[in-house]
């Protein structure tokens, strides 16, 4: 799904898998960071759902259904399809908001 984020007069297009939150799930560049962030994400989710639900529902969905790609790969893809001035606006655990201007920027 394509969303738009307005920053002043410039429109930045955001590729978003979570339209209500405007966040895209992604993988980290290193195995160490990926394992650290997944562990922190599990701890965060554990405050509101059971460990069983995390292990049986959320982690498999993240890994198998959504096929998250590395953030840096996603940034290159945006560049390759013509987005300009691409940047990461926000990153937390395995979630990011990123994008760039499409067309003349």
C-alpha atoms as a PDB file:
ATOM      1  CA  UNK A   1       0.000   0.000   0.000  1.00  0.00           C
ATOM      2  CA  UNK A   2       1.292   3.459  -0.823  1.00  0.00           C
ATOM      3  CA  UNK A   3       0.814   6.231   1.709  1.00  0.00           C
ATOM      4  CA  UNK A   4       1.755   9.906   1.577  1.00  0.00           C
ATOM      5  CA  UNK A   5       3.507  11.817   4.335  1.00  0.00           C
ATOM      6  CA  UNK A   6       3.395  15.597   4.064  1.00  0.00           C
ATOM      7  CA  UNK A   7       6.469  17.498   5.267  1.00  0.00           C
ATOM      8  CA  UNK A   8       5.909  21.177   4.659  1.00  0.00           C
ATOM      9  CA  UNK A   9       5.289  21.644   0.939  1.00  0.00           C
ATOM     10  CA  UNK A  10       7.130  18.471  -0.076  1.00  0.00           C
ATOM     11  CA  UNK A  11       5.225  15.197  -0.472  1.00  0.00           C
ATOM     12  CA  UNK A  12       7.134  12.075   0.504  1.00  0.00           C
ATOM     13  CA  UNK A  13       5.703   8.714  -0.520  1.00  0.00           C
ATOM     14  CA  UNK A  14       5.934   5.924   2.054  1.00  0.00           C
ATOM     15  CA  UNK A  15       5.704   2.192   1.283  1.00  0.00           C
ATOM     16  CA  UNK A  16       3.704   0.835   4.197  1.00  0.00           C
ATOM     17  CA  UNK A  17       2.632  -2.641   5.269  1.00  0.00           C
ATOM     18  CA  UNK A  18       0.861  -1.256   8.337  1.00  0.00           C
ATOM     19  CA  UNK A  19      -1.272   1.573   6.911  1.00  0.00           C
ATOM     20  CA  UNK A  20      -2.782   2.758  10.199  1.00  0.00           C
ATOM     21  CA  UNK A  21       0.632   3.144  11.794  1.00  0.00           C
ATOM     22  CA  UNK A  22       2.603   4.017   8.633  1.00  0.00           C
ATOM     23  CA  UNK A  23       5.328   1.553   9.588  1.00  0.00           C
ATOM     24  CA  UNK A  24       7.058  -1.009   7.430  1.00  0.00           C
ATOM     25  CA  UNK A  25       8.531  -4.147   8.937  1.00  0.00           C
ATOM     26  CA  UNK A  26      12.103  -4.810   7.946  1.00  0.00           C
ATOM     27  CA  UNK A  27      15.164  -6.867   8.731  1.00  0.00           C
ATOM     28  CA  UNK A  28      18.329  -5.351  10.134  1.00  0.00           C
ATOM     29  CA  UNK A  29      21.658  -5.349   8.329  1.00  0.00           C
ATOM     30  CA  UNK A  30      23.472  -7.558  10.834  1.00  0.00           C
ATOM     31  CA  UNK A  31      22.490 -10.822  12.509  1.00  0.00           C
ATOM     32  CA  UNK A  32      23.441  -9.382  15.902  1.00  0.00           C
ATOM     33  CA  UNK A  33      21.147  -6.357  15.509  1.00  0.00           C
ATOM     34  CA  UNK A  34      18.334  -8.517  14.129  1.00  0.00           C
ATOM     35  CA  UNK A  35      18.499 -10.902  17.107  1.00  0.00           C
ATOM     36  CA  UNK A  36      18.731  -7.996  19.579  1.00  0.00           C
ATOM     37  CA  UNK A  37      15.737  -6.151  18.105  1.00  0.00           C
ATOM     38  CA  UNK A  38      13.601  -9.296  17.844  1.00  0.00           C
ATOM     39  CA  UNK A  39      14.352 -10.053  21.510  1.00  0.00           C
ATOM     40  CA  UNK A  40      13.414  -6.476  22.495  1.00  0.00           C
ATOM     41  CA  UNK A  41      10.256  -6.658  20.354  1.00  0.00           C
ATOM     42  CA  UNK A  42       9.248  -9.927  22.053  1.00  0.00           C
ATOM     43  CA  UNK A  43       9.792  -8.312  25.474  1.00  0.00           C
ATOM     44  CA  UNK A  44       7.628  -5.357  24.426  1.00  0.00           C
ATOM     45  CA  UNK A  45       4.842  -7.609  23.099  1.00  0.00           C
ATOM     46  CA  UNK A  46       5.075  -9.702  26.293  1.00  0.00           C
ATOM     47  CA  UNK A  47       3.617  -6.770  28.221  1.00  0.00           C
ATOM     48  CA  UNK A  48       0.257  -7.278  26.492  1.00  0.00           C
ATOM     49  CA  UNK A  49       0.146 -10.821  25.048  1.00  0.00           C
ATOM     50  CA  UNK A  50       1.306 -14.246  26.212  1.00  0.00           C
ATOM     51  CA  UNK A  51       4.660 -15.765  25.243  1.00  0.00           C
ATOM     52  CA  UNK A  52       2.681 -18.556  23.587  1.00  0.00           C
ATOM     53  CA  UNK A  53       0.835 -16.073  21.343  1.00  0.00           C
ATOM     54  CA  UNK A  54       4.106 -14.332  20.490  1.00  0.00           C
ATOM     55  CA  UNK A  55       5.737 -17.626  19.515  1.00  0.00           C
ATOM     56  CA  UNK A  56       2.745 -19.116  17.712  1.00  0.00           C
ATOM     57  CA  UNK A  57       1.278 -16.048  16.010  1.00  0.00           C
ATOM     58  CA  UNK A  58       3.424 -12.925  15.800  1.00  0.00           C
ATOM     59  CA  UNK A  59       6.935 -14.261  15.158  1.00  0.00           C
ATOM     60  CA  UNK A  60       5.816 -16.743  12.462  1.00  0.00           C
ATOM     61  CA  UNK A  61       3.728 -14.015  10.809  1.00  0.00           C
ATOM     62  CA  UNK A  62       6.702 -11.641  10.826  1.00  0.00           C
ATOM     63  CA  UNK A  63       9.095 -14.264   9.449  1.00  0.00           C
ATOM     64  CA  UNK A  64       6.915 -16.241   7.048  1.00  0.00           C
ATOM     65  CA  UNK A  65       3.976 -14.173   5.834  1.00  0.00           C
ATOM     66  CA  UNK A  66       5.512 -10.758   5.497  1.00  0.00           C
ATOM     67  CA  UNK A  67       8.973 -11.779   4.244  1.00  0.00           C
ATOM     68  CA  UNK A  68      10.684  -8.673   5.627  1.00  0.00           C
ATOM     69  CA  UNK A  69      13.692  -7.481   3.665  1.00  0.00           C
ATOM     70  CA  UNK A  70      16.732  -5.624   4.961  1.00  0.00           C
ATOM     71  CA  UNK A  71      16.062  -1.897   5.338  1.00  0.00           C
ATOM     72  CA  UNK A  72      19.081  -0.941   3.225  1.00  0.00           C
ATOM     73  CA  UNK A  73      17.831  -3.222   0.418  1.00  0.00           C
ATOM     74  CA  UNK A  74      14.430  -1.523   0.540  1.00  0.00           C
ATOM     75  CA  UNK A  75      16.111   1.880   0.306  1.00  0.00           C
ATOM     76  CA  UNK A  76      18.026   0.759  -2.815  1.00  0.00           C
ATOM     77  CA  UNK A  77      14.774  -0.525  -4.342  1.00  0.00           C
ATOM     78  CA  UNK A  78      13.187   2.908  -3.871  1.00  0.00           C
ATOM     79  CA  UNK A  79      16.196   4.530  -5.561  1.00  0.00           C
ATOM     80  CA  UNK A  80      16.024   1.988  -8.414  1.00  0.00           C
ATOM     81  CA  UNK A  81      12.360   2.752  -9.169  1.00  0.00           C
ATOM     82  CA  UNK A  82      12.912   6.492  -9.331  1.00  0.00           C
ATOM     83  CA  UNK A  83      12.399   7.831  -5.818  1.00  0.00           C
ATOM     84  CA  UNK A  84      14.702  10.762  -5.017  1.00  0.00           C
ATOM     85  CA  UNK A  85      16.102  11.979  -1.695  1.00  0.00           C
ATOM     86  CA  UNK A  86      15.282   8.673  -0.003  1.00  0.00           C
ATOM     87  CA  UNK A  87      15.788   8.592   3.739  1.00  0.00           C
ATOM     88  CA  UNK A  88      14.775   6.807   6.933  1.00  0.00           C
ATOM     89  CA  UNK A  89      12.496   9.101   8.931  1.00  0.00           C
ATOM     90  CA  UNK A  90      11.990   6.806  11.940  1.00  0.00           C
ATOM     91  CA  UNK A  91      13.234   3.374  13.086  1.00  0.00           C
ATOM     92  CA  UNK A  92      12.284   1.345  16.167  1.00  0.00           C
ATOM     93  CA  UNK A  93      13.045  -2.362  16.676  1.00  0.00           C
ATOM     94  CA  UNK A  94      12.093  -4.045  13.370  1.00  0.00           C
ATOM     95  CA  UNK A  95       9.890  -1.204  12.140  1.00  0.00           C
ATOM     96  CA  UNK A  96      10.753   1.791  10.014  1.00  0.00           C
ATOM     97  CA  UNK A  97       9.210   4.720   8.211  1.00  0.00           C
ATOM     98  CA  UNK A  98      11.123   5.653   5.107  1.00  0.00           C
ATOM     99  CA  UNK A  99      10.573   7.019   1.654  1.00  0.00           C
ATOM    100  CA  UNK A 100      11.485   9.698  -0.799  1.00  0.00           C
ATOM    101  CA  UNK A 101      10.052  12.081  -3.344  1.00  0.00           C
ATOM    102  CA  UNK A 102       8.709  10.673  -6.606  1.00  0.00           C
ATOM    103  CA  UNK A 103       9.385  12.739  -9.706  1.00  0.00           C
ATOM    104  CA  UNK A 104      11.187  16.084  -9.658  1.00  0.00           C
ATOM    105  CA  UNK A 105      12.479  16.712  -6.141  1.00  0.00           C
END
